[in-house]
């Protein structure tokens, strides 16, 4: 994974003049964003998790989850990305990055997103527990399959 954290890059940008942007772009920014599958698989490997456990814990159909993790399925829904992030045990910053790769984000002004953020911040990664918290607060559970 790229070691350019947003915080580090923000500090660098404080001193970059407009005339130096090209140099900054060429030296500090990669041209490609990681794919969702590459991003998630990097954490699975780093945490020494079994893909089969991640798939099971995501509460998604095996075919769909494996297709996402293999990069064969594109444009997953927000809930499914969150489910995989929970199954991997990603923190909020890591989860937001996974969502951002797909053009989404957890928004703290949205009641349901705020509830999910609270769970992630409290390291509640069990989807059943997250869904129970959502239900207890009158919010829709995470949709992990078409039958949810």
C-alpha atoms as a PDB file:
ATOM      1  CA  UNK A   1       0.000   0.000   0.000  1.00  0.00           C
ATOM      2  CA  UNK A   2       1.202   3.497  -0.752  1.00  0.00           C
ATOM      3  CA  UNK A   3       2.884   5.032   2.292  1.00  0.00           C
ATOM      4  CA  UNK A   4       1.572   8.495   1.383  1.00  0.00           C
ATOM      5  CA  UNK A   5      -0.943   9.133   4.130  1.00  0.00           C
ATOM      6  CA  UNK A   6      -3.390  11.948   3.642  1.00  0.00           C
ATOM      7  CA  UNK A   7      -1.970  13.685   6.720  1.00  0.00           C
ATOM      8  CA  UNK A   8       1.572  13.527   5.301  1.00  0.00           C
ATOM      9  CA  UNK A   9       0.455  14.784   1.903  1.00  0.00           C
ATOM     10  CA  UNK A  10      -1.567  17.595   3.495  1.00  0.00           C
ATOM     11  CA  UNK A  11       1.563  18.780   5.302  1.00  0.00           C
ATOM     12  CA  UNK A  12       3.565  18.701   2.077  1.00  0.00           C
ATOM     13  CA  UNK A  13       0.851  20.645   0.250  1.00  0.00           C
ATOM     14  CA  UNK A  14       1.093  23.467   2.784  1.00  0.00           C
ATOM     15  CA  UNK A  15       4.455  24.387   1.295  1.00  0.00           C
ATOM     16  CA  UNK A  16       3.827  23.541  -2.370  1.00  0.00           C
ATOM     17  CA  UNK A  17       3.518  26.558  -4.630  1.00  0.00           C
ATOM     18  CA  UNK A  18       1.290  26.424  -7.685  1.00  0.00           C
ATOM     19  CA  UNK A  19       4.382  26.421  -9.863  1.00  0.00           C
ATOM     20  CA  UNK A  20       5.594  23.278  -8.050  1.00  0.00           C
ATOM     21  CA  UNK A  21       2.421  21.245  -8.546  1.00  0.00           C
ATOM     22  CA  UNK A  22       3.773  19.211 -11.458  1.00  0.00           C
ATOM     23  CA  UNK A  23       6.801  18.173  -9.406  1.00  0.00           C
ATOM     24  CA  UNK A  24       4.561  17.296  -6.446  1.00  0.00           C
ATOM     25  CA  UNK A  25       2.207  15.318  -8.681  1.00  0.00           C
ATOM     26  CA  UNK A  26       5.028  13.365 -10.269  1.00  0.00           C
ATOM     27  CA  UNK A  27       6.870  12.632  -7.019  1.00  0.00           C
ATOM     28  CA  UNK A  28       4.068  12.095  -4.512  1.00  0.00           C
ATOM     29  CA  UNK A  29       0.949  10.902  -6.309  1.00  0.00           C
ATOM     30  CA  UNK A  30       0.456   7.593  -8.002  1.00  0.00           C
ATOM     31  CA  UNK A  31      -1.537   7.623 -11.199  1.00  0.00           C
ATOM     32  CA  UNK A  32      -3.752   4.707 -10.270  1.00  0.00           C
ATOM     33  CA  UNK A  33      -6.114   4.260  -7.390  1.00  0.00           C
ATOM     34  CA  UNK A  34      -6.141   0.714  -6.110  1.00  0.00           C
ATOM     35  CA  UNK A  35      -9.093  -1.417  -7.071  1.00  0.00           C
ATOM     36  CA  UNK A  36     -11.456  -2.382  -4.287  1.00  0.00           C
ATOM     37  CA  UNK A  37     -10.395  -6.009  -4.574  1.00  0.00           C
ATOM     38  CA  UNK A  38      -6.682  -5.130  -4.348  1.00  0.00           C
ATOM     39  CA  UNK A  39      -7.320  -2.819  -1.405  1.00  0.00           C
ATOM     40  CA  UNK A  40      -9.346  -5.364   0.574  1.00  0.00           C
ATOM     41  CA  UNK A  41      -7.087  -8.285  -0.270  1.00  0.00           C
ATOM     42  CA  UNK A  42      -4.086  -6.362   0.979  1.00  0.00           C
ATOM     43  CA  UNK A  43      -5.727  -6.097   4.408  1.00  0.00           C
ATOM     44  CA  UNK A  44      -6.785  -9.743   4.330  1.00  0.00           C
ATOM     45  CA  UNK A  45      -3.152 -10.713   3.710  1.00  0.00           C
ATOM     46  CA  UNK A  46      -1.754  -8.235   6.216  1.00  0.00           C
ATOM     47  CA  UNK A  47      -4.098  -9.465   8.952  1.00  0.00           C
ATOM     48  CA  UNK A  48      -3.461 -13.094   7.950  1.00  0.00           C
ATOM     49  CA  UNK A  49      -7.165 -13.786   7.534  1.00  0.00           C
ATOM     50  CA  UNK A  50      -8.673 -16.617   5.545  1.00  0.00           C
ATOM     51  CA  UNK A  51     -10.713 -15.395   2.603  1.00  0.00           C
ATOM     52  CA  UNK A  52     -13.302 -18.063   3.396  1.00  0.00           C
ATOM     53  CA  UNK A  53     -13.742 -16.584   6.900  1.00  0.00           C
ATOM     54  CA  UNK A  54     -14.076 -13.070   5.514  1.00  0.00           C
ATOM     55  CA  UNK A  55     -16.698 -14.274   3.031  1.00  0.00           C
ATOM     56  CA  UNK A  56     -18.616 -16.126   5.752  1.00  0.00           C
ATOM     57  CA  UNK A  57     -18.461 -13.186   8.175  1.00  0.00           C
ATOM     58  CA  UNK A  58     -19.603 -10.727   5.493  1.00  0.00           C
ATOM     59  CA  UNK A  59     -23.005 -12.482   5.364  1.00  0.00           C
ATOM     60  CA  UNK A  60     -22.965 -12.183   1.566  1.00  0.00           C
ATOM     61  CA  UNK A  61     -23.525 -15.003  -0.853  1.00  0.00           C
ATOM     62  CA  UNK A  62     -20.274 -16.864  -1.444  1.00  0.00           C
ATOM     63  CA  UNK A  63     -20.383 -16.298  -5.204  1.00  0.00           C
ATOM     64  CA  UNK A  64     -20.928 -12.557  -4.876  1.00  0.00           C
ATOM     65  CA  UNK A  65     -18.309 -12.037  -2.156  1.00  0.00           C
ATOM     66  CA  UNK A  66     -15.666 -14.067  -3.974  1.00  0.00           C
ATOM     67  CA  UNK A  67     -16.443 -12.199  -7.203  1.00  0.00           C
ATOM     68  CA  UNK A  68     -15.875  -8.879  -5.408  1.00  0.00           C
ATOM     69  CA  UNK A  69     -12.655 -10.036  -3.787  1.00  0.00           C
ATOM     70  CA  UNK A  70     -11.380 -11.504  -7.071  1.00  0.00           C
ATOM     71  CA  UNK A  71     -12.142  -8.275  -8.931  1.00  0.00           C
ATOM     72  CA  UNK A  72     -14.659 -10.018 -11.198  1.00  0.00           C
ATOM     73  CA  UNK A  73     -17.606  -8.019  -9.870  1.00  0.00           C
ATOM     74  CA  UNK A  74     -17.646  -4.240 -10.162  1.00  0.00           C
ATOM     75  CA  UNK A  75     -19.767  -1.514  -8.572  1.00  0.00           C
ATOM     76  CA  UNK A  76     -20.913  -3.174  -5.353  1.00  0.00           C
ATOM     77  CA  UNK A  77     -23.482  -1.444  -3.194  1.00  0.00           C
ATOM     78  CA  UNK A  78     -22.394   0.567  -0.185  1.00  0.00           C
ATOM     79  CA  UNK A  79     -23.748  -1.976   2.299  1.00  0.00           C
ATOM     80  CA  UNK A  80     -21.773  -4.775   0.717  1.00  0.00           C
ATOM     81  CA  UNK A  81     -18.536  -2.795   0.866  1.00  0.00           C
ATOM     82  CA  UNK A  82     -19.238  -2.040   4.524  1.00  0.00           C
ATOM     83  CA  UNK A  83     -19.991  -5.723   5.171  1.00  0.00           C
ATOM     84  CA  UNK A  84     -16.623  -6.758   3.729  1.00  0.00           C
ATOM     85  CA  UNK A  85     -14.830  -4.038   5.672  1.00  0.00           C
ATOM     86  CA  UNK A  86     -16.495  -5.216   8.884  1.00  0.00           C
ATOM     87  CA  UNK A  87     -15.615  -8.841   8.110  1.00  0.00           C
ATOM     88  CA  UNK A  88     -11.963  -7.819   7.653  1.00  0.00           C
ATOM     89  CA  UNK A  89     -12.012  -5.631  10.775  1.00  0.00           C
ATOM     90  CA  UNK A  90     -11.127  -2.360   9.080  1.00  0.00           C
ATOM     91  CA  UNK A  91     -11.144   0.821  11.128  1.00  0.00           C
ATOM     92  CA  UNK A  92     -13.080   3.911  10.056  1.00  0.00           C
ATOM     93  CA  UNK A  93     -10.297   5.466   7.986  1.00  0.00           C
ATOM     94  CA  UNK A  94      -9.699   2.186   6.159  1.00  0.00           C
ATOM     95  CA  UNK A  95     -13.433   1.665   5.605  1.00  0.00           C
ATOM     96  CA  UNK A  96     -13.860   5.201   4.298  1.00  0.00           C
ATOM     97  CA  UNK A  97     -10.987   4.591   1.875  1.00  0.00           C
ATOM     98  CA  UNK A  98     -12.637   1.402   0.586  1.00  0.00           C
ATOM     99  CA  UNK A  99     -15.880   3.296   0.076  1.00  0.00           C
ATOM    100  CA  UNK A 100     -14.070   6.227  -1.543  1.00  0.00           C
ATOM    101  CA  UNK A 101     -12.499   3.884  -4.112  1.00  0.00           C
ATOM    102  CA  UNK A 102     -16.074   3.194  -5.249  1.00  0.00           C
ATOM    103  CA  UNK A 103     -17.197   6.824  -5.034  1.00  0.00           C
ATOM    104  CA  UNK A 104     -19.013   6.531  -1.704  1.00  0.00           C
ATOM    105  CA  UNK A 105     -18.521   7.556   1.901  1.00  0.00           C
ATOM    106  CA  UNK A 106     -20.030   7.146   5.347  1.00  0.00           C
ATOM    107  CA  UNK A 107     -21.549  10.531   6.134  1.00  0.00           C
ATOM    108  CA  UNK A 108     -21.718  11.494   9.809  1.00  0.00           C
ATOM    109  CA  UNK A 109     -24.835  13.656   9.297  1.00  0.00           C
ATOM    110  CA  UNK A 110     -26.766  10.631   8.036  1.00  0.00           C
ATOM    111  CA  UNK A 111     -28.392   8.775  10.969  1.00  0.00           C
ATOM    112  CA  UNK A 112     -27.755   5.295   9.617  1.00  0.00           C
ATOM    113  CA  UNK A 113     -24.180   6.099   8.561  1.00  0.00           C
ATOM    114  CA  UNK A 114     -23.546   7.663  11.979  1.00  0.00           C
ATOM    115  CA  UNK A 115     -24.731   4.463  13.669  1.00  0.00           C
ATOM    116  CA  UNK A 116     -22.382   2.405  11.482  1.00  0.00           C
ATOM    117  CA  UNK A 117     -19.517   4.794  12.240  1.00  0.00           C
ATOM    118  CA  UNK A 118     -20.168   4.348  15.970  1.00  0.00           C
ATOM    119  CA  UNK A 119     -19.999   0.564  15.594  1.00  0.00           C
ATOM    120  CA  UNK A 120     -16.755   0.728  13.628  1.00  0.00           C
ATOM    121  CA  UNK A 121     -15.221   3.155  16.115  1.00  0.00           C
ATOM    122  CA  UNK A 122     -16.181   0.763  18.944  1.00  0.00           C
ATOM    123  CA  UNK A 123     -14.633  -2.116  16.971  1.00  0.00           C
ATOM    124  CA  UNK A 124     -17.969  -3.872  16.605  1.00  0.00           C
ATOM    125  CA  UNK A 125     -17.192  -5.828  13.461  1.00  0.00           C
ATOM    126  CA  UNK A 126     -19.822  -8.549  13.811  1.00  0.00           C
ATOM    127  CA  UNK A 127     -22.489  -7.809  11.196  1.00  0.00           C
ATOM    128  CA  UNK A 128     -25.248  -9.335  13.315  1.00  0.00           C
ATOM    129  CA  UNK A 129     -24.355  -6.989  16.179  1.00  0.00           C
ATOM    130  CA  UNK A 130     -24.200  -3.994  13.829  1.00  0.00           C
ATOM    131  CA  UNK A 131     -27.589  -4.932  12.374  1.00  0.00           C
ATOM    132  CA  UNK A 132     -29.045  -5.341  15.864  1.00  0.00           C
ATOM    133  CA  UNK A 133     -27.785  -1.851  16.761  1.00  0.00           C
ATOM    134  CA  UNK A 134     -29.313  -0.466  13.572  1.00  0.00           C
ATOM    135  CA  UNK A 135     -32.674  -2.173  14.253  1.00  0.00           C
ATOM    136  CA  UNK A 136     -32.693  -1.047  17.884  1.00  0.00           C
ATOM    137  CA  UNK A 137     -32.414   2.511  16.611  1.00  0.00           C
ATOM    138  CA  UNK A 138     -35.122   2.223  13.966  1.00  0.00           C
ATOM    139  CA  UNK A 139     -32.673   2.074  11.065  1.00  0.00           C
ATOM    140  CA  UNK A 140     -32.422  -0.335   8.137  1.00  0.00           C
ATOM    141  CA  UNK A 141     -30.011  -3.228   8.505  1.00  0.00           C
ATOM    142  CA  UNK A 142     -27.077  -3.755   6.173  1.00  0.00           C
ATOM    143  CA  UNK A 143     -28.248  -5.323   2.946  1.00  0.00           C
ATOM    144  CA  UNK A 144     -25.784  -8.096   2.218  1.00  0.00           C
ATOM    145  CA  UNK A 145     -27.922 -10.038  -0.222  1.00  0.00           C
ATOM    146  CA  UNK A 146     -30.892  -9.459  -2.467  1.00  0.00           C
ATOM    147  CA  UNK A 147     -33.055 -11.288   0.072  1.00  0.00           C
ATOM    148  CA  UNK A 148     -32.196  -8.895   2.969  1.00  0.00           C
END
